[in-house]
Amino acid sequence: MRELLHRIARRCPTHDRASYAATSRLEHQLGMEPSPPPDSITDQFMDPALIDCGHSWCRTRRRT
């Protein structure tokens, strides 16, 4: 049921969550002090913009 609701709302669990890479880019653009990196090395370097989640509606939404 949860997956169906995500699909109806066009929400993507991969691309709709904050990542350290995206947050640090935004902090840099805004001239803010960088936040400390997460403990996990995977979480530090994971960039959702580089991941193809397989949802055609997600790819279309992110291009615009």
C-alpha atoms as a PDB file:
ATOM      1  CA  MET A   1       0.000   0.000   0.000  1.00  0.00           C
ATOM      2  CA  ARG A   2       2.832   2.379   0.890  1.00  0.00           C
ATOM      3  CA  GLU A   3       4.485   1.766  -2.479  1.00  0.00           C
ATOM      4  CA  LEU A   4       1.214   2.527  -4.247  1.00  0.00           C
ATOM      5  CA  LEU A   5       0.847   5.811  -2.362  1.00  0.00           C
ATOM      6  CA  HIS A   6       4.416   6.782  -3.285  1.00  0.00           C
ATOM      7  CA  ARG A   7       3.629   6.019  -6.931  1.00  0.00           C
ATOM      8  CA  ILE A   8       0.412   8.059  -6.908  1.00  0.00           C
ATOM      9  CA  ALA A   9       2.195  11.020  -5.283  1.00  0.00           C
ATOM     10  CA  ARG A  10       5.182  10.486  -7.626  1.00  0.00           C
ATOM     11  CA  ARG A  11       7.547  10.263  -4.690  1.00  0.00           C
ATOM     12  CA  CYS A  12      10.851   8.460  -5.046  1.00  0.00           C
ATOM     13  CA  PRO A  13      12.576   7.022  -1.972  1.00  0.00           C
ATOM     14  CA  THR A  14      15.941   7.417  -3.733  1.00  0.00           C
ATOM     15  CA  HIS A  15      15.641  10.995  -4.958  1.00  0.00           C
ATOM     16  CA  ASP A  16      13.336  12.611  -2.403  1.00  0.00           C
ATOM     17  CA  ARG A  17      15.630  12.221   0.576  1.00  0.00           C
ATOM     18  CA  ALA A  18      18.424  14.587   1.503  1.00  0.00           C
ATOM     19  CA  SER A  19      21.954  13.473   0.744  1.00  0.00           C
ATOM     20  CA  TYR A  20      25.176  14.843   2.139  1.00  0.00           C
ATOM     21  CA  ALA A  21      26.478  15.590  -1.386  1.00  0.00           C
ATOM     22  CA  ALA A  22      23.413  17.672  -2.300  1.00  0.00           C
ATOM     23  CA  THR A  23      23.342  19.385   1.094  1.00  0.00           C
ATOM     24  CA  SER A  24      27.031  20.311   0.952  1.00  0.00           C
ATOM     25  CA  ARG A  25      26.619  21.740  -2.589  1.00  0.00           C
ATOM     26  CA  LEU A  26      23.709  23.860  -1.392  1.00  0.00           C
ATOM     27  CA  GLU A  27      25.642  25.024   1.682  1.00  0.00           C
ATOM     28  CA  HIS A  28      28.567  25.993  -0.549  1.00  0.00           C
ATOM     29  CA  GLN A  29      26.288  27.927  -2.935  1.00  0.00           C
ATOM     30  CA  LEU A  30      24.702  29.787  -0.027  1.00  0.00           C
ATOM     31  CA  GLY A  31      28.070  30.547   1.554  1.00  0.00           C
ATOM     32  CA  MET A  32      27.217  28.639   4.704  1.00  0.00           C
ATOM     33  CA  GLU A  33      29.512  26.780   7.047  1.00  0.00           C
ATOM     34  CA  PRO A  34      29.730  23.123   5.861  1.00  0.00           C
ATOM     35  CA  SER A  35      27.954  20.584   8.039  1.00  0.00           C
ATOM     36  CA  PRO A  36      29.946  17.645   9.406  1.00  0.00           C
ATOM     37  CA  PRO A  37      29.911  14.558   7.177  1.00  0.00           C
ATOM     38  CA  PRO A  38      27.963  11.465   8.226  1.00  0.00           C
ATOM     39  CA  ASP A  39      29.833   8.610   9.882  1.00  0.00           C
ATOM     40  CA  SER A  40      29.187   6.206   7.001  1.00  0.00           C
ATOM     41  CA  ILE A  41      31.525   6.613   4.006  1.00  0.00           C
ATOM     42  CA  THR A  42      28.715   5.412   1.744  1.00  0.00           C
ATOM     43  CA  ASP A  43      26.411   8.176   2.968  1.00  0.00           C
ATOM     44  CA  GLN A  44      29.181  10.763   2.520  1.00  0.00           C
ATOM     45  CA  PHE A  45      29.623  10.118  -1.194  1.00  0.00           C
ATOM     46  CA  MET A  46      26.195   8.872  -2.297  1.00  0.00           C
ATOM     47  CA  ASP A  47      24.704  11.319  -4.801  1.00  0.00           C
ATOM     48  CA  PRO A  48      21.087  10.569  -5.777  1.00  0.00           C
ATOM     49  CA  ALA A  49      21.465  12.675  -8.929  1.00  0.00           C
ATOM     50  CA  LEU A  50      23.758   9.956 -10.320  1.00  0.00           C
ATOM     51  CA  ILE A  51      21.426   7.051  -9.517  1.00  0.00           C
ATOM     52  CA  ASP A  52      18.847   5.755 -11.968  1.00  0.00           C
ATOM     53  CA  CYS A  53      15.987   4.533  -9.805  1.00  0.00           C
ATOM     54  CA  GLY A  54      14.142   3.022 -12.759  1.00  0.00           C
ATOM     55  CA  HIS A  55      11.008   5.143 -12.436  1.00  0.00           C
ATOM     56  CA  SER A  56      10.204   6.840 -15.752  1.00  0.00           C
ATOM     57  CA  TRP A  57       8.125   9.502 -13.981  1.00  0.00           C
ATOM     58  CA  CYS A  58      11.053  10.316 -11.689  1.00  0.00           C
ATOM     59  CA  ARG A  59      13.474  10.876 -14.580  1.00  0.00           C
ATOM     60  CA  THR A  60      10.954  13.167 -16.273  1.00  0.00           C
ATOM     61  CA  ARG A  61      10.320  15.149 -13.091  1.00  0.00           C
ATOM     62  CA  ARG A  62      14.051  15.630 -12.329  1.00  0.00           C
ATOM     63  CA  ARG A  63      14.814  16.983 -15.824  1.00  0.00           C
ATOM     64  CA  THR A  64      12.444  19.902 -15.427  1.00  0.00           C
END
